[in-house]
Amino acid sequence: MIFEWATGLSLKDLHDRKAMPHADLRKINKILEFYFGKPYMTYILGRKVPKAYRVPPGWYVSRHRPMTLTLFHEYSTKTLNP
């Protein structure tokens, strides 16, 4: 849902055209699970969403350490600009 909201593209349409492989979705879900914890199943606008994440109000990515070591040095020296 986040991907569809941010890009305006339907995941179903991308999958049908083979434009977005499952590996990309797994990576996105892995990152979301790292920051927000275990996903839960819900319905949004009558549509089943199997992996939804609870995002606390006022949550900013710049206030949390990065998932990868690639960006950790910039984060620890406070030069990471999101």
N, C-alpha and C. Protein backbone atom coordinates (compact mmCIF):
# COMPACT_ATOMS: atom_id res chain seq x y z
N MET A 1 0.83 -1.19 0.00
CA MET A 1 0.00 0.00 0.00
C MET A 1 0.87 1.26 0.00
N ILE A 2 1.96 1.24 0.74
CA ILE A 2 2.84 2.42 0.76
C ILE A 2 3.42 2.65 -0.62
N PHE A 3 3.86 1.58 -1.26
CA PHE A 3 4.43 1.70 -2.61
C PHE A 3 3.39 2.27 -3.57
N GLU A 4 2.16 1.74 -3.51
CA GLU A 4 1.11 2.21 -4.42
C GLU A 4 0.77 3.67 -4.14
N TRP A 5 0.72 4.06 -2.88
CA TRP A 5 0.41 5.43 -2.53
C TRP A 5 1.52 6.38 -2.99
N ALA A 6 2.76 5.98 -2.77
CA ALA A 6 3.89 6.86 -3.10
C ALA A 6 4.12 6.99 -4.60
N THR A 7 3.89 5.93 -5.34
CA THR A 7 4.19 5.95 -6.78
C THR A 7 2.97 6.11 -7.67
N GLY A 8 1.80 5.77 -7.15
CA GLY A 8 0.60 5.80 -7.97
C GLY A 8 0.48 4.62 -8.91
N LEU A 9 1.36 3.63 -8.76
CA LEU A 9 1.36 2.43 -9.59
C LEU A 9 0.76 1.27 -8.82
N SER A 10 -0.01 0.45 -9.47
CA SER A 10 -0.60 -0.73 -8.85
C SER A 10 0.39 -1.89 -8.87
N LEU A 11 0.59 -2.52 -7.73
CA LEU A 11 1.50 -3.66 -7.67
C LEU A 11 0.99 -4.82 -8.53
N LYS A 12 -0.31 -5.01 -8.57
CA LYS A 12 -0.88 -6.08 -9.39
C LYS A 12 -0.56 -5.85 -10.86
N ASP A 13 -0.71 -4.59 -11.31
CA ASP A 13 -0.39 -4.29 -12.71
C ASP A 13 1.09 -4.49 -13.01
N LEU A 14 1.95 -4.05 -12.11
CA LEU A 14 3.39 -4.23 -12.31
C LEU A 14 3.76 -5.71 -12.34
N HIS A 15 3.14 -6.49 -11.46
CA HIS A 15 3.44 -7.92 -11.41
C HIS A 15 2.96 -8.61 -12.69
N ASP A 16 1.78 -8.22 -13.16
CA ASP A 16 1.26 -8.82 -14.40
C ASP A 16 2.15 -8.51 -15.60
N ARG A 17 2.76 -7.33 -15.62
CA ARG A 17 3.65 -6.95 -16.73
C ARG A 17 5.08 -7.42 -16.49
N LYS A 18 5.34 -8.08 -15.37
CA LYS A 18 6.68 -8.56 -15.00
C LYS A 18 7.66 -7.40 -14.82
N ALA A 19 7.14 -6.21 -14.45
CA ALA A 19 7.99 -5.05 -14.29
C ALA A 19 8.61 -4.98 -12.89
N MET A 20 8.00 -5.66 -11.92
CA MET A 20 8.52 -5.64 -10.56
C MET A 20 8.53 -7.07 -10.02
N PRO A 21 9.70 -7.67 -9.88
CA PRO A 21 9.77 -9.04 -9.39
C PRO A 21 9.47 -9.12 -7.90
N HIS A 22 9.16 -10.34 -7.44
CA HIS A 22 8.85 -10.57 -6.03
C HIS A 22 10.02 -10.23 -5.13
N ALA A 23 11.24 -10.34 -5.61
CA ALA A 23 12.42 -10.05 -4.80
C ALA A 23 12.41 -8.60 -4.32
N ASP A 24 11.96 -7.68 -5.17
CA ASP A 24 11.90 -6.27 -4.79
C ASP A 24 10.90 -6.06 -3.66
N LEU A 25 9.75 -6.72 -3.75
CA LEU A 25 8.74 -6.59 -2.70
C LEU A 25 9.24 -7.19 -1.39
N ARG A 26 9.98 -8.28 -1.47
CA ARG A 26 10.53 -8.87 -0.25
C ARG A 26 11.51 -7.92 0.42
N LYS A 27 12.32 -7.22 -0.38
CA LYS A 27 13.28 -6.26 0.19
C LYS A 27 12.55 -5.09 0.85
N ILE A 28 11.50 -4.59 0.22
CA ILE A 28 10.72 -3.50 0.79
C ILE A 28 10.10 -3.94 2.11
N ASN A 29 9.52 -5.14 2.14
CA ASN A 29 8.91 -5.64 3.37
C ASN A 29 9.95 -5.87 4.47
N LYS A 30 11.13 -6.30 4.10
CA LYS A 30 12.19 -6.51 5.09
C LYS A 30 12.59 -5.19 5.75
N ILE A 31 12.69 -4.13 4.96
CA ILE A 31 13.03 -2.81 5.50
C ILE A 31 11.91 -2.30 6.41
N LEU A 32 10.67 -2.44 5.96
CA LEU A 32 9.54 -1.99 6.78
C LEU A 32 9.47 -2.76 8.10
N GLU A 33 9.74 -4.07 8.06
CA GLU A 33 9.72 -4.87 9.28
C GLU A 33 10.85 -4.47 10.22
N PHE A 34 12.01 -4.09 9.68
CA PHE A 34 13.12 -3.65 10.51
C PHE A 34 12.73 -2.40 11.31
N TYR A 35 12.09 -1.43 10.65
CA TYR A 35 11.75 -0.18 11.31
C TYR A 35 10.48 -0.25 12.17
N PHE A 36 9.48 -1.01 11.75
CA PHE A 36 8.17 -0.95 12.41
C PHE A 36 7.73 -2.24 13.08
N GLY A 37 8.53 -3.28 13.03
CA GLY A 37 8.16 -4.53 13.71
C GLY A 37 7.31 -5.44 12.85
N LYS A 38 6.70 -6.39 13.50
CA LYS A 38 5.94 -7.43 12.82
C LYS A 38 4.69 -6.87 12.14
N PRO A 39 4.42 -7.27 10.90
CA PRO A 39 3.23 -6.78 10.21
C PRO A 39 1.96 -7.48 10.70
N TYR A 40 0.82 -6.90 10.38
CA TYR A 40 -0.46 -7.51 10.70
C TYR A 40 -1.37 -7.42 9.48
N MET A 41 -2.45 -8.22 9.46
CA MET A 41 -3.38 -8.24 8.34
C MET A 41 -4.56 -7.33 8.67
N THR A 42 -4.99 -6.53 7.70
CA THR A 42 -6.12 -5.62 7.88
C THR A 42 -6.83 -5.42 6.55
N TYR A 43 -7.90 -4.68 6.59
CA TYR A 43 -8.62 -4.29 5.38
C TYR A 43 -8.57 -2.77 5.27
N ILE A 44 -8.18 -2.25 4.11
CA ILE A 44 -8.15 -0.82 3.85
C ILE A 44 -9.00 -0.57 2.61
N LEU A 45 -10.02 0.26 2.77
CA LEU A 45 -10.97 0.56 1.70
C LEU A 45 -11.57 -0.71 1.10
N GLY A 46 -11.87 -1.68 1.94
CA GLY A 46 -12.48 -2.93 1.50
C GLY A 46 -11.52 -3.88 0.82
N ARG A 47 -10.25 -3.57 0.83
CA ARG A 47 -9.24 -4.41 0.17
C ARG A 47 -8.36 -5.07 1.23
N LYS A 48 -8.17 -6.37 1.13
CA LYS A 48 -7.35 -7.10 2.09
C LYS A 48 -5.89 -6.72 1.92
N VAL A 49 -5.25 -6.31 3.03
CA VAL A 49 -3.83 -5.96 3.03
C VAL A 49 -3.14 -6.93 3.98
N PRO A 50 -2.40 -7.92 3.46
CA PRO A 50 -1.82 -8.94 4.33
C PRO A 50 -0.66 -8.45 5.18
N LYS A 51 0.03 -7.40 4.75
CA LYS A 51 1.18 -6.91 5.52
C LYS A 51 1.07 -5.41 5.70
N ALA A 52 0.47 -5.01 6.84
CA ALA A 52 0.37 -3.60 7.20
C ALA A 52 1.25 -3.37 8.42
N TYR A 53 1.80 -2.18 8.53
CA TYR A 53 2.71 -1.86 9.63
C TYR A 53 2.18 -0.66 10.40
N ARG A 54 2.32 -0.69 11.72
CA ARG A 54 1.92 0.44 12.56
C ARG A 54 3.08 1.43 12.64
N VAL A 55 2.84 2.63 12.15
CA VAL A 55 3.86 3.69 12.18
C VAL A 55 3.45 4.68 13.26
N PRO A 56 4.29 4.87 14.29
CA PRO A 56 3.93 5.81 15.35
C PRO A 56 3.83 7.24 14.83
N PRO A 57 2.93 8.05 15.42
CA PRO A 57 2.84 9.45 14.99
C PRO A 57 4.15 10.19 15.26
N GLY A 58 4.55 11.04 14.33
CA GLY A 58 5.78 11.81 14.50
C GLY A 58 7.04 11.02 14.23
N TRP A 59 6.94 9.88 13.57
CA TRP A 59 8.11 9.04 13.30
C TRP A 59 8.87 9.61 12.11
N TYR A 60 10.17 9.79 12.28
CA TYR A 60 11.04 10.28 11.20
C TYR A 60 12.17 9.30 10.98
N VAL A 61 12.46 8.98 9.74
CA VAL A 61 13.52 8.03 9.43
C VAL A 61 14.89 8.59 9.84
N SER A 62 15.05 9.91 9.81
CA SER A 62 16.35 10.50 10.15
C SER A 62 16.70 10.34 11.63
N ARG A 63 15.73 10.00 12.47
CA ARG A 63 15.98 9.83 13.90
C ARG A 63 16.31 8.39 14.28
N HIS A 64 16.34 7.50 13.32
CA HIS A 64 16.59 6.08 13.58
C HIS A 64 17.80 5.61 12.79
N ARG A 65 18.54 4.71 13.40
CA ARG A 65 19.74 4.22 12.73
C ARG A 65 19.37 3.46 11.46
N PRO A 66 20.20 3.54 10.43
CA PRO A 66 19.90 2.83 9.17
C PRO A 66 20.02 1.32 9.34
N MET A 67 19.35 0.63 8.46
CA MET A 67 19.35 -0.83 8.48
C MET A 67 20.68 -1.39 7.98
N THR A 68 21.31 -0.70 7.05
CA THR A 68 22.52 -1.21 6.43
C THR A 68 23.75 -0.47 6.95
N LEU A 69 24.88 -1.13 6.89
CA LEU A 69 26.12 -0.50 7.31
C LEU A 69 26.61 0.54 6.31
N THR A 70 26.07 0.51 5.11
CA THR A 70 26.47 1.47 4.08
C THR A 70 26.22 2.91 4.54
N LEU A 71 25.10 3.13 5.19
CA LEU A 71 24.74 4.48 5.62
C LEU A 71 25.05 4.75 7.09
N PHE A 72 25.50 3.74 7.83
CA PHE A 72 25.67 3.92 9.27
C PHE A 72 26.73 4.96 9.61
N HIS A 73 27.84 5.00 8.87
CA HIS A 73 28.88 5.98 9.16
C HIS A 73 28.35 7.41 9.02
N GLU A 74 27.61 7.66 7.93
CA GLU A 74 27.03 8.99 7.74
C GLU A 74 26.03 9.31 8.84
N TYR A 75 25.27 8.31 9.28
CA TYR A 75 24.28 8.52 10.34
C TYR A 75 24.98 8.86 11.66
N SER A 76 26.04 8.13 12.00
CA SER A 76 26.71 8.34 13.28
C SER A 76 27.47 9.67 13.32
N THR A 77 27.93 10.16 12.18
CA THR A 77 28.60 11.47 12.16
C THR A 77 27.60 12.61 11.90
N LYS A 78 26.32 12.26 11.81
CA LYS A 78 25.22 13.21 11.61
C LYS A 78 25.33 14.00 10.31
N THR A 79 25.87 13.35 9.27
CA THR A 79 25.93 13.97 7.95
C THR A 79 24.94 13.35 6.97
N LEU A 80 24.16 12.38 7.44
CA LEU A 80 23.16 11.73 6.58
C LEU A 80 21.99 12.69 6.39
N ASN A 81 21.71 13.03 5.16
CA ASN A 81 20.64 13.96 4.84
C ASN A 81 19.56 13.22 4.08
N PRO A 82 18.44 12.85 4.76
CA PRO A 82 17.41 12.05 4.07
C PRO A 82 16.66 12.79 3.01
